[in-house]
Amino acid sequence: MELQENKNQLELGNDFDFNDRSNMLQFKIVYWGPGESGKTTNFLRLREKFDLLRLSKGYSIETTEGRTLWEDSLYLLFDFTLNDVKFNIITHVVTCTGQERFLSTREYVLDGADGIVFIGDSDPEKLEQNKRSFRELVGFASTKNIPYQVQLNKRDLENAIEISKFKIALGLPLVDSYPDGSKVVYPTEALRGKNVVECFKHIVLQVIFEYFKE
């Protein structure tokens, strides 16, 4: 398959065929980032957006203060076509807690991940937490060649950090987009759902690309 030429034309669909077990794939997407950056809010927006494509209702394990204790988990169903061949895909969406005292649970949740979405916080006072969490992520993912996308959430904050400053702090390219069309940083407002689905689609397509590239 000439996948590199077709990558930008890949589209996720909602015509999943339960009776067709051929060409069925399953991927795991993990949402990662510092505490209270918006991982669970992303999860909730995806659950709402893809309500008719959910294999289950999903679940969320939280503390009494409403913070993620272990993980949020959801299964979504899609189809996509590549070179006139239709594939059915089951996508397991998981968030991991950002609380620093639960590092060991993050390693467990990351196990078996095919793609990662890093959720940064636009609050300037959270920049060091963003940097620390991103370094942790890169340390886990780099040896396994797991693709990832980066979000900068809470762009509606009045004092939101400049995206260029965020990129420099994390060591990301200063350009707007990569050659495949995905943004280096997706500016999001997860409470409103702004750019949440777009970022999710690009990480799924990146995972598909990596799968067929091998």
N, C-alpha and C. Protein backbone atom coordinates (compact mmCIF):
# COMPACT_ATOMS: atom_id res chain seq x y z
N MET A 1 0.83 -1.21 0.00
CA MET A 1 0.00 0.00 0.00
C MET A 1 0.87 1.26 0.00
N GLU A 2 0.55 2.20 -0.85
CA GLU A 2 1.28 3.46 -0.86
C GLU A 2 0.67 4.37 0.20
N LEU A 3 0.94 4.02 1.46
CA LEU A 3 0.24 4.67 2.56
C LEU A 3 0.63 6.12 2.72
N GLN A 4 1.91 6.45 2.48
CA GLN A 4 2.34 7.83 2.67
C GLN A 4 1.55 8.77 1.77
N GLU A 5 1.26 8.33 0.55
CA GLU A 5 0.52 9.17 -0.38
C GLU A 5 -0.95 9.28 -0.01
N ASN A 6 -1.48 8.26 0.69
CA ASN A 6 -2.90 8.22 0.99
C ASN A 6 -3.23 8.70 2.40
N LYS A 7 -2.21 8.97 3.21
CA LYS A 7 -2.46 9.26 4.62
C LYS A 7 -3.40 10.43 4.82
N ASN A 8 -3.20 11.50 4.08
CA ASN A 8 -4.02 12.69 4.26
C ASN A 8 -5.46 12.49 3.78
N GLN A 9 -5.71 11.40 3.04
CA GLN A 9 -7.06 11.15 2.55
C GLN A 9 -7.83 10.18 3.45
N LEU A 10 -7.18 9.65 4.47
CA LEU A 10 -7.87 8.73 5.37
C LEU A 10 -8.97 9.45 6.13
N GLU A 11 -10.12 8.81 6.24
CA GLU A 11 -11.25 9.38 6.97
C GLU A 11 -11.86 8.32 7.86
N LEU A 12 -12.25 8.71 9.08
CA LEU A 12 -12.96 7.81 9.97
C LEU A 12 -14.44 7.89 9.64
N GLY A 13 -15.11 6.75 9.62
CA GLY A 13 -16.53 6.72 9.31
C GLY A 13 -17.32 6.09 10.44
N ASN A 14 -18.63 6.02 10.25
CA ASN A 14 -19.52 5.47 11.28
C ASN A 14 -20.36 4.32 10.73
N ASP A 15 -19.80 3.61 9.76
CA ASP A 15 -20.52 2.50 9.14
C ASP A 15 -19.91 1.18 9.59
N PHE A 16 -19.71 1.02 10.89
CA PHE A 16 -19.10 -0.17 11.46
C PHE A 16 -20.01 -1.37 11.24
N ASP A 17 -19.44 -2.46 10.71
CA ASP A 17 -20.21 -3.67 10.42
C ASP A 17 -19.91 -4.73 11.46
N PHE A 18 -20.86 -4.97 12.38
CA PHE A 18 -20.65 -5.95 13.45
C PHE A 18 -20.52 -7.37 12.91
N ASN A 19 -21.06 -7.63 11.73
CA ASN A 19 -21.04 -8.98 11.18
C ASN A 19 -19.78 -9.29 10.39
N ASP A 20 -19.01 -8.27 10.12
CA ASP A 20 -17.79 -8.44 9.35
C ASP A 20 -16.58 -8.46 10.28
N ARG A 21 -16.08 -9.66 10.56
CA ARG A 21 -14.94 -9.79 11.46
C ARG A 21 -13.60 -9.73 10.73
N SER A 22 -13.64 -9.67 9.42
CA SER A 22 -12.40 -9.56 8.67
C SER A 22 -11.91 -8.11 8.72
N ASN A 23 -10.62 -7.93 8.61
CA ASN A 23 -10.03 -6.59 8.62
C ASN A 23 -10.45 -5.78 9.85
N MET A 24 -10.54 -6.45 10.99
CA MET A 24 -10.89 -5.76 12.25
C MET A 24 -9.62 -5.47 13.03
N LEU A 25 -9.48 -4.22 13.47
CA LEU A 25 -8.31 -3.79 14.23
C LEU A 25 -8.75 -3.20 15.56
N GLN A 26 -7.86 -3.24 16.54
CA GLN A 26 -8.15 -2.62 17.83
C GLN A 26 -6.94 -1.82 18.28
N PHE A 27 -7.18 -0.55 18.66
CA PHE A 27 -6.12 0.33 19.10
C PHE A 27 -6.46 0.96 20.45
N LYS A 28 -5.42 1.36 21.17
CA LYS A 28 -5.59 2.00 22.47
C LYS A 28 -4.99 3.40 22.42
N ILE A 29 -5.81 4.41 22.74
CA ILE A 29 -5.38 5.81 22.78
C ILE A 29 -5.42 6.29 24.23
N VAL A 30 -4.29 6.77 24.73
CA VAL A 30 -4.19 7.23 26.12
C VAL A 30 -4.10 8.75 26.17
N TYR A 31 -4.91 9.37 27.03
CA TYR A 31 -4.85 10.81 27.28
C TYR A 31 -4.00 11.05 28.53
N TRP A 32 -2.99 11.88 28.39
CA TRP A 32 -1.95 12.06 29.40
C TRP A 32 -1.73 13.54 29.65
N GLY A 33 -1.37 13.92 30.85
CA GLY A 33 -1.06 15.31 31.14
C GLY A 33 -1.10 15.58 32.62
N PRO A 34 -0.71 16.79 33.03
CA PRO A 34 -0.70 17.13 34.46
C PRO A 34 -2.11 17.14 35.03
N GLY A 35 -2.19 17.10 36.35
CA GLY A 35 -3.48 17.09 37.02
C GLY A 35 -4.34 18.28 36.67
N GLU A 36 -5.63 18.03 36.43
CA GLU A 36 -6.64 19.07 36.16
C GLU A 36 -6.39 19.85 34.87
N SER A 37 -5.67 19.25 33.94
CA SER A 37 -5.43 19.94 32.66
C SER A 37 -6.60 19.78 31.70
N GLY A 38 -7.45 18.77 31.92
CA GLY A 38 -8.63 18.60 31.07
C GLY A 38 -8.74 17.25 30.39
N LYS A 39 -8.04 16.25 30.90
CA LYS A 39 -8.08 14.92 30.28
C LYS A 39 -9.48 14.31 30.36
N THR A 40 -10.06 14.34 31.55
CA THR A 40 -11.40 13.78 31.71
C THR A 40 -12.44 14.59 30.93
N THR A 41 -12.26 15.89 30.84
CA THR A 41 -13.19 16.73 30.07
C THR A 41 -13.12 16.36 28.59
N ASN A 42 -11.92 16.10 28.07
CA ASN A 42 -11.78 15.59 26.71
C ASN A 42 -12.54 14.29 26.56
N PHE A 43 -12.35 13.40 27.51
CA PHE A 43 -13.02 12.10 27.51
C PHE A 43 -14.54 12.26 27.44
N LEU A 44 -15.08 13.17 28.23
CA LEU A 44 -16.53 13.38 28.26
C LEU A 44 -17.04 13.95 26.94
N ARG A 45 -16.26 14.86 26.33
CA ARG A 45 -16.67 15.42 25.05
C ARG A 45 -16.68 14.35 23.96
N LEU A 46 -15.68 13.46 23.98
CA LEU A 46 -15.65 12.38 22.99
C LEU A 46 -16.81 11.43 23.20
N ARG A 47 -17.14 11.16 24.45
CA ARG A 47 -18.26 10.27 24.74
C ARG A 47 -19.57 10.86 24.24
N GLU A 48 -19.70 12.18 24.34
CA GLU A 48 -20.90 12.85 23.83
C GLU A 48 -20.92 12.87 22.30
N LYS A 49 -19.79 13.23 21.71
CA LYS A 49 -19.71 13.38 20.26
C LYS A 49 -19.97 12.06 19.54
N PHE A 50 -19.40 11.00 20.09
CA PHE A 50 -19.51 9.69 19.44
C PHE A 50 -20.49 8.79 20.18
N ASP A 51 -21.56 9.37 20.67
CA ASP A 51 -22.53 8.64 21.48
C ASP A 51 -23.06 7.40 20.75
N LEU A 52 -23.32 7.53 19.46
CA LEU A 52 -23.90 6.41 18.70
C LEU A 52 -22.85 5.38 18.29
N LEU A 53 -21.58 5.67 18.54
CA LEU A 53 -20.51 4.76 18.15
C LEU A 53 -19.86 4.09 19.35
N ARG A 54 -20.49 4.23 20.51
CA ARG A 54 -19.91 3.66 21.73
C ARG A 54 -20.25 2.17 21.84
N LEU A 55 -19.23 1.37 22.15
CA LEU A 55 -19.45 -0.04 22.41
C LEU A 55 -19.95 -0.25 23.83
N SER A 56 -19.63 0.70 24.72
CA SER A 56 -20.08 0.64 26.11
C SER A 56 -20.32 2.06 26.60
N LYS A 57 -20.92 2.19 27.77
CA LYS A 57 -21.15 3.52 28.34
C LYS A 57 -19.86 4.15 28.83
N GLY A 58 -18.84 3.31 29.06
CA GLY A 58 -17.60 3.82 29.60
C GLY A 58 -17.68 4.01 31.10
N TYR A 59 -16.56 4.25 31.74
CA TYR A 59 -16.57 4.48 33.18
C TYR A 59 -15.47 5.45 33.57
N SER A 60 -15.63 6.04 34.74
CA SER A 60 -14.66 6.98 35.27
C SER A 60 -14.46 6.68 36.75
N ILE A 61 -13.21 6.53 37.18
CA ILE A 61 -12.91 6.25 38.58
C ILE A 61 -12.28 7.49 39.17
N GLU A 62 -13.01 8.15 40.09
CA GLU A 62 -12.58 9.44 40.62
C GLU A 62 -12.44 9.41 42.13
N THR A 63 -11.74 10.42 42.66
CA THR A 63 -11.67 10.63 44.10
C THR A 63 -12.93 11.35 44.54
N THR A 64 -13.10 11.53 45.84
CA THR A 64 -14.27 12.26 46.33
C THR A 64 -14.23 13.73 45.93
N GLU A 65 -13.03 14.24 45.54
CA GLU A 65 -12.91 15.61 45.09
C GLU A 65 -13.16 15.75 43.58
N GLY A 66 -13.52 14.63 42.92
CA GLY A 66 -13.81 14.69 41.50
C GLY A 66 -12.59 14.58 40.60
N ARG A 67 -11.43 14.22 41.14
CA ARG A 67 -10.23 14.06 40.34
C ARG A 67 -10.05 12.59 40.00
N THR A 68 -9.48 12.33 38.80
CA THR A 68 -9.32 10.95 38.36
C THR A 68 -8.37 10.20 39.27
N LEU A 69 -8.85 9.07 39.81
CA LEU A 69 -8.04 8.26 40.71
C LEU A 69 -7.26 7.21 39.94
N TRP A 70 -7.90 6.61 38.95
CA TRP A 70 -7.24 5.52 38.22
C TRP A 70 -7.28 5.80 36.72
N GLU A 71 -8.48 5.76 36.14
CA GLU A 71 -8.58 6.03 34.72
C GLU A 71 -10.04 6.26 34.33
N ASP A 72 -10.24 6.84 33.14
CA ASP A 72 -11.53 6.86 32.45
C ASP A 72 -11.35 5.92 31.27
N SER A 73 -12.39 5.19 30.92
CA SER A 73 -12.25 4.20 29.85
C SER A 73 -13.50 4.16 28.98
N LEU A 74 -13.29 4.07 27.66
CA LEU A 74 -14.39 4.09 26.72
C LEU A 74 -13.96 3.37 25.44
N TYR A 75 -14.88 2.59 24.85
CA TYR A 75 -14.62 1.91 23.58
C TYR A 75 -15.48 2.54 22.49
N LEU A 76 -14.85 2.94 21.37
CA LEU A 76 -15.56 3.54 20.25
C LEU A 76 -15.35 2.69 19.00
N LEU A 77 -16.34 2.71 18.12
CA LEU A 77 -16.32 1.90 16.90
C LEU A 77 -16.28 2.80 15.66
N PHE A 78 -15.38 2.50 14.74
CA PHE A 78 -15.28 3.27 13.50
C PHE A 78 -15.02 2.32 12.34
N ASP A 79 -15.17 2.85 11.14
CA ASP A 79 -14.67 2.16 9.96
C ASP A 79 -13.82 3.16 9.18
N PHE A 80 -12.90 2.65 8.40
CA PHE A 80 -12.17 3.51 7.48
C PHE A 80 -11.78 2.68 6.27
N THR A 81 -11.55 3.35 5.18
CA THR A 81 -11.22 2.68 3.92
C THR A 81 -9.86 3.14 3.43
N LEU A 82 -9.03 2.19 3.06
CA LEU A 82 -7.70 2.50 2.55
C LEU A 82 -7.47 1.67 1.30
N ASN A 83 -7.16 2.34 0.19
CA ASN A 83 -6.95 1.64 -1.08
C ASN A 83 -8.12 0.72 -1.42
N ASP A 84 -9.34 1.25 -1.21
CA ASP A 84 -10.58 0.53 -1.52
C ASP A 84 -10.83 -0.68 -0.63
N VAL A 85 -10.08 -0.82 0.45
CA VAL A 85 -10.31 -1.90 1.40
C VAL A 85 -10.89 -1.30 2.68
N LYS A 86 -12.03 -1.85 3.12
CA LYS A 86 -12.69 -1.34 4.32
C LYS A 86 -12.18 -2.07 5.56
N PHE A 87 -11.89 -1.30 6.61
CA PHE A 87 -11.44 -1.85 7.88
C PHE A 87 -12.39 -1.41 8.99
N ASN A 88 -12.64 -2.31 9.93
CA ASN A 88 -13.40 -1.98 11.13
C ASN A 88 -12.39 -1.77 12.26
N ILE A 89 -12.59 -0.73 13.03
CA ILE A 89 -11.63 -0.41 14.09
C ILE A 89 -12.34 -0.17 15.42
N ILE A 90 -11.84 -0.83 16.45
CA ILE A 90 -12.30 -0.61 17.82
C ILE A 90 -11.22 0.24 18.52
N THR A 91 -11.62 1.40 18.99
CA THR A 91 -10.67 2.30 19.63
C THR A 91 -10.96 2.39 21.13
N HIS A 92 -9.98 1.98 21.94
CA HIS A 92 -10.11 2.05 23.39
C HIS A 92 -9.50 3.37 23.86
N VAL A 93 -10.34 4.28 24.34
CA VAL A 93 -9.90 5.59 24.82
C VAL A 93 -9.75 5.55 26.33
N VAL A 94 -8.56 5.89 26.82
CA VAL A 94 -8.27 5.82 28.25
C VAL A 94 -7.60 7.11 28.69
N THR A 95 -7.96 7.62 29.86
CA THR A 95 -7.21 8.73 30.46
C THR A 95 -6.48 8.20 31.69
N CYS A 96 -5.34 8.80 31.98
CA CYS A 96 -4.62 8.41 33.20
C CYS A 96 -4.57 9.59 34.15
N THR A 97 -4.52 9.31 35.42
CA THR A 97 -4.49 10.37 36.42
C THR A 97 -3.22 11.20 36.28
N GLY A 98 -3.35 12.50 36.49
CA GLY A 98 -2.20 13.38 36.42
C GLY A 98 -1.57 13.66 37.77
N GLN A 99 -2.19 13.13 38.83
CA GLN A 99 -1.66 13.37 40.16
C GLN A 99 -0.31 12.69 40.32
N GLU A 100 0.66 13.43 40.77
CA GLU A 100 2.04 12.95 40.78
C GLU A 100 2.25 11.75 41.69
N ARG A 101 1.44 11.63 42.73
CA ARG A 101 1.65 10.51 43.64
C ARG A 101 1.19 9.17 43.06
N PHE A 102 0.55 9.23 41.88
CA PHE A 102 0.05 8.01 41.25
C PHE A 102 0.84 7.66 40.00
N LEU A 103 2.15 7.90 40.03
CA LEU A 103 3.01 7.63 38.87
C LEU A 103 2.91 6.18 38.43
N SER A 104 2.88 5.25 39.39
CA SER A 104 2.87 3.84 39.03
C SER A 104 1.61 3.46 38.25
N THR A 105 0.49 4.10 38.54
CA THR A 105 -0.74 3.80 37.80
C THR A 105 -0.65 4.30 36.37
N ARG A 106 0.06 5.41 36.15
CA ARG A 106 0.20 5.93 34.80
C ARG A 106 0.99 4.96 33.93
N GLU A 107 2.03 4.37 34.49
CA GLU A 107 2.80 3.39 33.75
C GLU A 107 1.92 2.21 33.36
N TYR A 108 1.03 1.80 34.24
CA TYR A 108 0.14 0.67 33.97
C TYR A 108 -0.85 1.04 32.87
N VAL A 109 -1.46 2.22 32.96
CA VAL A 109 -2.44 2.65 31.97
C VAL A 109 -1.79 2.80 30.60
N LEU A 110 -0.53 3.25 30.57
CA LEU A 110 0.16 3.45 29.31
C LEU A 110 0.52 2.13 28.62
N ASP A 111 0.58 1.05 29.39
CA ASP A 111 0.97 -0.25 28.83
C ASP A 111 0.04 -0.65 27.68
N GLY A 112 0.61 -0.98 26.55
CA GLY A 112 -0.17 -1.39 25.40
C GLY A 112 -0.74 -0.25 24.58
N ALA A 113 -0.35 0.99 24.88
CA ALA A 113 -0.87 2.15 24.14
C ALA A 113 -0.33 2.16 22.71
N ASP A 114 -1.21 2.50 21.77
CA ASP A 114 -0.81 2.67 20.37
C ASP A 114 -0.63 4.13 20.02
N GLY A 115 -1.25 5.03 20.78
CA GLY A 115 -1.13 6.46 20.54
C GLY A 115 -1.44 7.22 21.82
N ILE A 116 -0.92 8.44 21.92
CA ILE A 116 -1.08 9.23 23.14
C ILE A 116 -1.46 10.66 22.77
N VAL A 117 -2.36 11.25 23.54
CA VAL A 117 -2.67 12.67 23.42
C VAL A 117 -2.22 13.34 24.72
N PHE A 118 -1.28 14.28 24.61
CA PHE A 118 -0.83 15.02 25.78
C PHE A 118 -1.68 16.27 25.93
N ILE A 119 -2.26 16.46 27.12
CA ILE A 119 -3.10 17.62 27.39
C ILE A 119 -2.33 18.60 28.28
N GLY A 120 -1.94 19.73 27.70
CA GLY A 120 -1.27 20.77 28.46
C GLY A 120 -2.28 21.78 29.00
N ASP A 121 -1.88 22.51 30.02
CA ASP A 121 -2.73 23.50 30.67
C ASP A 121 -2.26 24.90 30.28
N SER A 122 -3.18 25.76 29.82
CA SER A 122 -2.82 27.11 29.37
C SER A 122 -2.50 28.08 30.50
N ASP A 123 -2.76 27.70 31.73
CA ASP A 123 -2.45 28.56 32.87
C ASP A 123 -0.93 28.73 32.96
N PRO A 124 -0.40 29.95 32.85
CA PRO A 124 1.05 30.16 32.91
C PRO A 124 1.69 29.58 34.17
N GLU A 125 0.94 29.54 35.26
CA GLU A 125 1.48 29.02 36.51
C GLU A 125 1.63 27.50 36.47
N LYS A 126 1.05 26.87 35.44
CA LYS A 126 1.15 25.40 35.32
C LYS A 126 2.25 24.98 34.33
N LEU A 127 3.07 25.93 33.87
CA LEU A 127 4.06 25.61 32.85
C LEU A 127 5.05 24.55 33.33
N GLU A 128 5.53 24.66 34.55
CA GLU A 128 6.49 23.68 35.06
C GLU A 128 5.85 22.29 35.17
N GLN A 129 4.57 22.25 35.56
CA GLN A 129 3.88 20.97 35.62
C GLN A 129 3.74 20.38 34.21
N ASN A 130 3.44 21.25 33.23
CA ASN A 130 3.37 20.78 31.84
C ASN A 130 4.70 20.18 31.40
N LYS A 131 5.78 20.88 31.68
CA LYS A 131 7.11 20.41 31.27
C LYS A 131 7.45 19.08 31.94
N ARG A 132 7.18 18.99 33.23
CA ARG A 132 7.50 17.77 33.97
C ARG A 132 6.70 16.57 33.44
N SER A 133 5.41 16.80 33.21
CA SER A 133 4.55 15.73 32.72
C SER A 133 4.94 15.31 31.30
N PHE A 134 5.31 16.27 30.46
CA PHE A 134 5.69 15.95 29.09
C PHE A 134 7.01 15.18 29.07
N ARG A 135 7.97 15.57 29.90
CA ARG A 135 9.24 14.83 29.98
C ARG A 135 8.98 13.39 30.41
N GLU A 136 8.08 13.23 31.36
CA GLU A 136 7.72 11.90 31.84
C GLU A 136 7.14 11.06 30.71
N LEU A 137 6.25 11.68 29.96
CA LEU A 137 5.62 11.00 28.83
C LEU A 137 6.66 10.57 27.79
N VAL A 138 7.52 11.49 27.40
CA VAL A 138 8.54 11.19 26.40
C VAL A 138 9.45 10.07 26.90
N GLY A 139 9.75 10.08 28.19
CA GLY A 139 10.59 9.02 28.76
C GLY A 139 9.95 7.65 28.63
N PHE A 140 8.64 7.59 28.79
CA PHE A 140 7.92 6.33 28.68
C PHE A 140 7.74 5.91 27.22
N ALA A 141 7.42 6.89 26.34
CA ALA A 141 6.99 6.57 24.99
C ALA A 141 8.12 6.46 23.97
N SER A 142 9.24 7.14 24.21
CA SER A 142 10.28 7.24 23.18
C SER A 142 10.87 5.88 22.82
N THR A 143 11.10 5.04 23.80
CA THR A 143 11.71 3.74 23.52
C THR A 143 10.75 2.79 22.80
N LYS A 144 9.45 3.11 22.84
CA LYS A 144 8.46 2.24 22.22
C LYS A 144 7.93 2.82 20.90
N ASN A 145 8.43 4.00 20.52
CA ASN A 145 8.02 4.64 19.27
C ASN A 145 6.50 4.82 19.18
N ILE A 146 5.89 5.27 20.27
CA ILE A 146 4.45 5.50 20.30
C ILE A 146 4.17 6.91 19.78
N PRO A 147 3.35 7.08 18.74
CA PRO A 147 3.04 8.42 18.25
C PRO A 147 2.18 9.19 19.24
N TYR A 148 2.33 10.51 19.25
CA TYR A 148 1.51 11.33 20.14
C TYR A 148 1.16 12.65 19.48
N GLN A 149 0.06 13.23 19.97
CA GLN A 149 -0.36 14.58 19.59
C GLN A 149 -0.40 15.42 20.86
N VAL A 150 -0.25 16.73 20.70
CA VAL A 150 -0.22 17.64 21.85
C VAL A 150 -1.38 18.62 21.78
N GLN A 151 -2.10 18.72 22.86
CA GLN A 151 -3.15 19.74 23.02
C GLN A 151 -2.69 20.78 24.03
N LEU A 152 -3.11 22.02 23.82
CA LEU A 152 -2.96 23.05 24.85
C LEU A 152 -4.37 23.49 25.20
N ASN A 153 -4.86 23.01 26.32
CA ASN A 153 -6.26 23.21 26.70
C ASN A 153 -6.46 24.52 27.47
N LYS A 154 -7.73 24.87 27.66
CA LYS A 154 -8.13 26.06 28.40
C LYS A 154 -7.68 27.35 27.70
N ARG A 155 -7.80 27.38 26.38
CA ARG A 155 -7.39 28.56 25.64
C ARG A 155 -8.30 29.76 25.90
N ASP A 156 -9.41 29.53 26.59
CA ASP A 156 -10.32 30.62 26.91
C ASP A 156 -9.90 31.39 28.16
N LEU A 157 -8.82 30.96 28.83
CA LEU A 157 -8.33 31.71 30.00
C LEU A 157 -7.86 33.10 29.57
N GLU A 158 -8.16 34.10 30.38
CA GLU A 158 -7.76 35.48 30.03
C GLU A 158 -6.25 35.63 29.97
N ASN A 159 -5.54 34.91 30.82
CA ASN A 159 -4.08 35.03 30.86
C ASN A 159 -3.41 33.82 30.23
N ALA A 160 -4.06 33.18 29.27
CA ALA A 160 -3.53 31.96 28.66
C ALA A 160 -2.12 32.18 28.10
N ILE A 161 -1.25 31.22 28.34
CA ILE A 161 0.12 31.30 27.88
C ILE A 161 0.16 31.32 26.35
N GLU A 162 1.12 32.00 25.78
CA GLU A 162 1.27 32.01 24.33
C GLU A 162 1.68 30.63 23.85
N ILE A 163 1.10 30.21 22.74
CA ILE A 163 1.40 28.89 22.22
C ILE A 163 2.88 28.74 21.89
N SER A 164 3.50 29.80 21.36
CA SER A 164 4.92 29.74 21.02
C SER A 164 5.77 29.51 22.27
N LYS A 165 5.42 30.15 23.37
CA LYS A 165 6.16 29.97 24.62
C LYS A 165 5.98 28.54 25.13
N PHE A 166 4.78 28.00 25.00
CA PHE A 166 4.50 26.62 25.40
C PHE A 166 5.34 25.65 24.56
N LYS A 167 5.41 25.89 23.25
CA LYS A 167 6.19 25.03 22.37
C LYS A 167 7.68 25.05 22.75
N ILE A 168 8.20 26.24 23.00
CA ILE A 168 9.61 26.36 23.38
C ILE A 168 9.88 25.61 24.68
N ALA A 169 8.99 25.74 25.65
CA ALA A 169 9.18 25.09 26.94
C ALA A 169 9.21 23.58 26.81
N LEU A 170 8.41 23.03 25.88
CA LEU A 170 8.35 21.58 25.71
C LEU A 170 9.30 21.07 24.64
N GLY A 171 10.00 21.99 23.97
CA GLY A 171 10.95 21.58 22.93
C GLY A 171 10.27 21.14 21.66
N LEU A 172 9.11 21.72 21.35
CA LEU A 172 8.36 21.36 20.15
C LEU A 172 8.71 22.30 18.99
N PRO A 173 8.52 21.85 17.75
CA PRO A 173 8.77 22.73 16.59
C PRO A 173 7.88 23.97 16.65
N LEU A 174 8.40 25.10 16.17
CA LEU A 174 7.66 26.36 16.22
C LEU A 174 6.72 26.54 15.03
N VAL A 175 6.76 25.61 14.08
CA VAL A 175 5.84 25.69 12.94
C VAL A 175 4.43 25.34 13.41
N ASP A 176 3.42 25.68 12.59
CA ASP A 176 2.03 25.43 12.96
C ASP A 176 1.65 23.97 12.81
N SER A 177 2.10 23.32 11.71
CA SER A 177 1.67 21.96 11.40
C SER A 177 2.83 21.10 10.93
N TYR A 178 2.66 19.79 11.10
CA TYR A 178 3.60 18.81 10.56
C TYR A 178 3.26 18.55 9.09
N PRO A 179 4.16 17.91 8.33
CA PRO A 179 3.88 17.64 6.91
C PRO A 179 2.59 16.84 6.66
N ASP A 180 2.17 16.02 7.63
CA ASP A 180 0.95 15.22 7.43
C ASP A 180 -0.32 16.01 7.67
N GLY A 181 -0.19 17.29 8.04
CA GLY A 181 -1.36 18.14 8.25
C GLY A 181 -1.80 18.26 9.68
N SER A 182 -1.29 17.43 10.58
CA SER A 182 -1.66 17.53 11.99
C SER A 182 -0.92 18.71 12.62
N LYS A 183 -1.58 19.38 13.54
CA LYS A 183 -0.98 20.55 14.19
C LYS A 183 0.07 20.11 15.20
N VAL A 184 1.12 20.91 15.34
CA VAL A 184 2.12 20.65 16.37
C VAL A 184 1.47 20.75 17.75
N VAL A 185 0.62 21.76 17.92
CA VAL A 185 -0.16 21.92 19.15
C VAL A 185 -1.60 22.26 18.77
N TYR A 186 -2.54 21.50 19.29
CA TYR A 186 -3.96 21.79 19.07
C TYR A 186 -4.46 22.70 20.18
N PRO A 187 -4.84 23.94 19.87
CA PRO A 187 -5.42 24.81 20.90
C PRO A 187 -6.86 24.39 21.14
N THR A 188 -7.19 24.03 22.38
CA THR A 188 -8.52 23.49 22.66
C THR A 188 -9.21 24.20 23.82
N GLU A 189 -10.52 24.08 23.80
CA GLU A 189 -11.37 24.46 24.93
C GLU A 189 -12.26 23.26 25.17
N ALA A 190 -11.77 22.35 26.00
CA ALA A 190 -12.45 21.06 26.16
C ALA A 190 -13.85 21.21 26.74
N LEU A 191 -14.09 22.22 27.57
CA LEU A 191 -15.42 22.41 28.13
C LEU A 191 -16.44 22.64 27.03
N ARG A 192 -16.04 23.32 25.97
CA ARG A 192 -16.91 23.60 24.83
C ARG A 192 -16.74 22.57 23.72
N GLY A 193 -15.71 21.74 23.83
CA GLY A 193 -15.45 20.74 22.80
C GLY A 193 -14.66 21.25 21.62
N LYS A 194 -14.13 22.46 21.71
CA LYS A 194 -13.42 23.06 20.58
C LYS A 194 -12.12 22.33 20.28
N ASN A 195 -12.00 21.81 19.06
CA ASN A 195 -10.82 21.10 18.54
C ASN A 195 -10.55 19.75 19.21
N VAL A 196 -11.41 19.31 20.09
CA VAL A 196 -11.21 18.02 20.77
C VAL A 196 -11.31 16.87 19.78
N VAL A 197 -12.35 16.87 18.96
CA VAL A 197 -12.55 15.78 18.01
C VAL A 197 -11.48 15.81 16.92
N GLU A 198 -11.11 17.01 16.46
CA GLU A 198 -10.09 17.12 15.42
C GLU A 198 -8.78 16.49 15.88
N CYS A 199 -8.38 16.78 17.11
CA CYS A 199 -7.14 16.22 17.64
C CYS A 199 -7.25 14.70 17.77
N PHE A 200 -8.39 14.23 18.23
CA PHE A 200 -8.60 12.78 18.39
C PHE A 200 -8.51 12.07 17.04
N LYS A 201 -9.13 12.63 16.02
CA LYS A 201 -9.10 12.00 14.70
C LYS A 201 -7.67 11.91 14.18
N HIS A 202 -6.88 12.94 14.41
CA HIS A 202 -5.52 12.92 13.90
C HIS A 202 -4.65 11.89 14.62
N ILE A 203 -4.85 11.70 15.91
CA ILE A 203 -4.04 10.68 16.58
C ILE A 203 -4.46 9.29 16.14
N VAL A 204 -5.75 9.08 15.90
CA VAL A 204 -6.20 7.77 15.41
C VAL A 204 -5.61 7.50 14.03
N LEU A 205 -5.62 8.50 13.15
CA LEU A 205 -5.07 8.32 11.82
C LEU A 205 -3.56 8.11 11.87
N GLN A 206 -2.89 8.76 12.81
CA GLN A 206 -1.45 8.56 12.97
C GLN A 206 -1.17 7.12 13.42
N VAL A 207 -2.01 6.61 14.31
CA VAL A 207 -1.85 5.22 14.78
C VAL A 207 -2.05 4.25 13.62
N ILE A 208 -3.07 4.51 12.81
CA ILE A 208 -3.33 3.66 11.64
C ILE A 208 -2.14 3.69 10.70
N PHE A 209 -1.61 4.88 10.48
CA PHE A 209 -0.44 5.03 9.61
C PHE A 209 0.73 4.20 10.13
N GLU A 210 1.01 4.30 11.43
CA GLU A 210 2.12 3.56 12.02
C GLU A 210 1.89 2.05 11.92
N TYR A 211 0.63 1.65 12.05
CA TYR A 211 0.31 0.22 11.99
C TYR A 211 0.63 -0.35 10.61
N PHE A 212 0.22 0.34 9.56
CA PHE A 212 0.42 -0.17 8.21
C PHE A 212 1.83 0.10 7.68
N LYS A 213 2.54 0.98 8.34
CA LYS A 213 3.90 1.29 7.90
C LYS A 213 4.86 0.14 8.18
N GLU A 214 4.53 -0.63 9.24
CA GLU A 214 5.42 -1.72 9.66
C GLU A 214 5.43 -2.86 8.65
